[in-house]
Amino acid sequence: MKEYLILADVKTTVSMKVKANNQQEAEMIAQRQLNDLSVANVKLELQYLNNETVKLDVEDFQIEVSRVEE
């Protein structure tokens, strides 16, 4: 049996909490913490309905802050 490398794009929304004096500062803190150059590792793990877990290698990633809420 041959082994194949499958590449797929996965888009997801994640959340994090930061303490800041205002919304603009919160967004700047988040941008700095999520900057592609600041993040050393991105890990992705999928759990199927049958509880089987698959750990995936992240080949490339891009992080963009889309919204800031109080």
C-alpha atoms as a PDB file:
ATOM      1  CA  MET A   1       0.000   0.000   0.000  1.00  0.00           C
ATOM      2  CA  LYS A   2       1.307   3.472  -0.907  1.00  0.00           C
ATOM      3  CA  GLU A   3       1.409   6.483   1.397  1.00  0.00           C
ATOM      4  CA  TYR A   4       0.003   9.796   0.167  1.00  0.00           C
ATOM      5  CA  LEU A   5       0.392  13.312   1.561  1.00  0.00           C
ATOM      6  CA  ILE A   6      -2.949  15.119   1.646  1.00  0.00           C
ATOM      7  CA  LEU A   7      -3.014  18.926   1.940  1.00  0.00           C
ATOM      8  CA  ALA A   8      -6.275  20.582   3.008  1.00  0.00           C
ATOM      9  CA  ASP A   9      -7.253  24.100   4.080  1.00  0.00           C
ATOM     10  CA  VAL A  10      -9.065  24.320   7.419  1.00  0.00           C
ATOM     11  CA  LYS A  11     -10.675  27.602   8.497  1.00  0.00           C
ATOM     12  CA  THR A  12     -11.733  28.007  12.100  1.00  0.00           C
ATOM     13  CA  THR A  13     -12.441  30.787  14.573  1.00  0.00           C
ATOM     14  CA  VAL A  14     -10.568  30.764  17.854  1.00  0.00           C
ATOM     15  CA  SER A  15     -10.878  33.009  20.896  1.00  0.00           C
ATOM     16  CA  MET A  16      -8.547  34.349  23.559  1.00  0.00           C
ATOM     17  CA  LYS A  17      -8.910  36.826  26.406  1.00  0.00           C
ATOM     18  CA  VAL A  18      -6.598  39.802  26.991  1.00  0.00           C
ATOM     19  CA  LYS A  19      -6.682  42.546  29.617  1.00  0.00           C
ATOM     20  CA  ALA A  20      -6.544  46.073  28.208  1.00  0.00           C
ATOM     21  CA  ASN A  21      -7.703  49.600  28.953  1.00  0.00           C
ATOM     22  CA  ASN A  22      -9.818  49.843  25.803  1.00  0.00           C
ATOM     23  CA  GLN A  23     -10.854  47.943  22.687  1.00  0.00           C
ATOM     24  CA  GLN A  24      -8.091  49.406  20.507  1.00  0.00           C
ATOM     25  CA  GLU A  25      -5.417  48.368  23.003  1.00  0.00           C
ATOM     26  CA  ALA A  26      -6.980  44.908  23.272  1.00  0.00           C
ATOM     27  CA  GLU A  27      -6.784  44.480  19.502  1.00  0.00           C
ATOM     28  CA  MET A  28      -3.145  45.646  19.437  1.00  0.00           C
ATOM     29  CA  ILE A  29      -2.226  43.187  22.213  1.00  0.00           C
ATOM     30  CA  ALA A  30      -3.986  40.358  20.398  1.00  0.00           C
ATOM     31  CA  GLN A  31      -2.347  41.242  17.074  1.00  0.00           C
ATOM     32  CA  ARG A  32       1.073  41.224  18.747  1.00  0.00           C
ATOM     33  CA  GLN A  33       0.442  37.895  20.513  1.00  0.00           C
ATOM     34  CA  LEU A  34      -1.004  36.274  17.393  1.00  0.00           C
ATOM     35  CA  ASN A  35       1.544  37.697  14.951  1.00  0.00           C
ATOM     36  CA  ASP A  36       2.815  34.959  12.627  1.00  0.00           C
ATOM     37  CA  LEU A  37       6.392  35.733  13.729  1.00  0.00           C
ATOM     38  CA  SER A  38       5.500  35.403  17.435  1.00  0.00           C
ATOM     39  CA  VAL A  39       3.781  32.020  17.151  1.00  0.00           C
ATOM     40  CA  ALA A  40       6.265  29.150  17.219  1.00  0.00           C
ATOM     41  CA  ASN A  41       3.850  26.233  16.913  1.00  0.00           C
ATOM     42  CA  VAL A  42       0.336  25.692  15.664  1.00  0.00           C
ATOM     43  CA  LYS A  43      -1.115  22.294  16.521  1.00  0.00           C
ATOM     44  CA  LEU A  44      -4.292  20.818  15.147  1.00  0.00           C
ATOM     45  CA  GLU A  45      -6.069  17.778  16.520  1.00  0.00           C
ATOM     46  CA  LEU A  46      -9.379  16.393  15.258  1.00  0.00           C
ATOM     47  CA  GLN A  47     -11.632  14.179  17.329  1.00  0.00           C
ATOM     48  CA  TYR A  48     -14.148  12.150  15.359  1.00  0.00           C
ATOM     49  CA  LEU A  49     -17.600  11.193  16.631  1.00  0.00           C
ATOM     50  CA  ASN A  50     -16.294   7.698  17.414  1.00  0.00           C
ATOM     51  CA  ASN A  51     -13.671   9.359  19.719  1.00  0.00           C
ATOM     52  CA  GLU A  52     -10.792   8.522  17.379  1.00  0.00           C
ATOM     53  CA  THR A  53      -8.238  11.349  17.478  1.00  0.00           C
ATOM     54  CA  VAL A  54      -6.032  12.421  14.591  1.00  0.00           C
ATOM     55  CA  LYS A  55      -3.131  14.818  15.130  1.00  0.00           C
ATOM     56  CA  LEU A  56      -2.404  16.836  12.002  1.00  0.00           C
ATOM     57  CA  ASP A  57       0.788  18.589  10.958  1.00  0.00           C
ATOM     58  CA  VAL A  58       0.198  22.281  10.254  1.00  0.00           C
ATOM     59  CA  GLU A  59       2.123  23.131   7.094  1.00  0.00           C
ATOM     60  CA  ASP A  60       1.277  26.836   6.946  1.00  0.00           C
ATOM     61  CA  PHE A  61      -0.918  29.231   8.890  1.00  0.00           C
ATOM     62  CA  GLN A  62      -2.248  32.753   8.816  1.00  0.00           C
ATOM     63  CA  ILE A  63      -3.802  34.578  11.767  1.00  0.00           C
ATOM     64  CA  GLU A  64      -6.105  37.573  11.406  1.00  0.00           C
ATOM     65  CA  VAL A  65      -8.099  39.306  14.161  1.00  0.00           C
ATOM     66  CA  SER A  66     -11.635  39.613  12.829  1.00  0.00           C
ATOM     67  CA  ARG A  67     -13.497  41.066  15.806  1.00  0.00           C
ATOM     68  CA  VAL A  68     -12.977  42.412  19.348  1.00  0.00           C
ATOM     69  CA  GLU A  69     -15.749  42.108  21.942  1.00  0.00           C
ATOM     70  CA  GLU A  70     -16.110  43.212  25.561  1.00  0.00           C
END
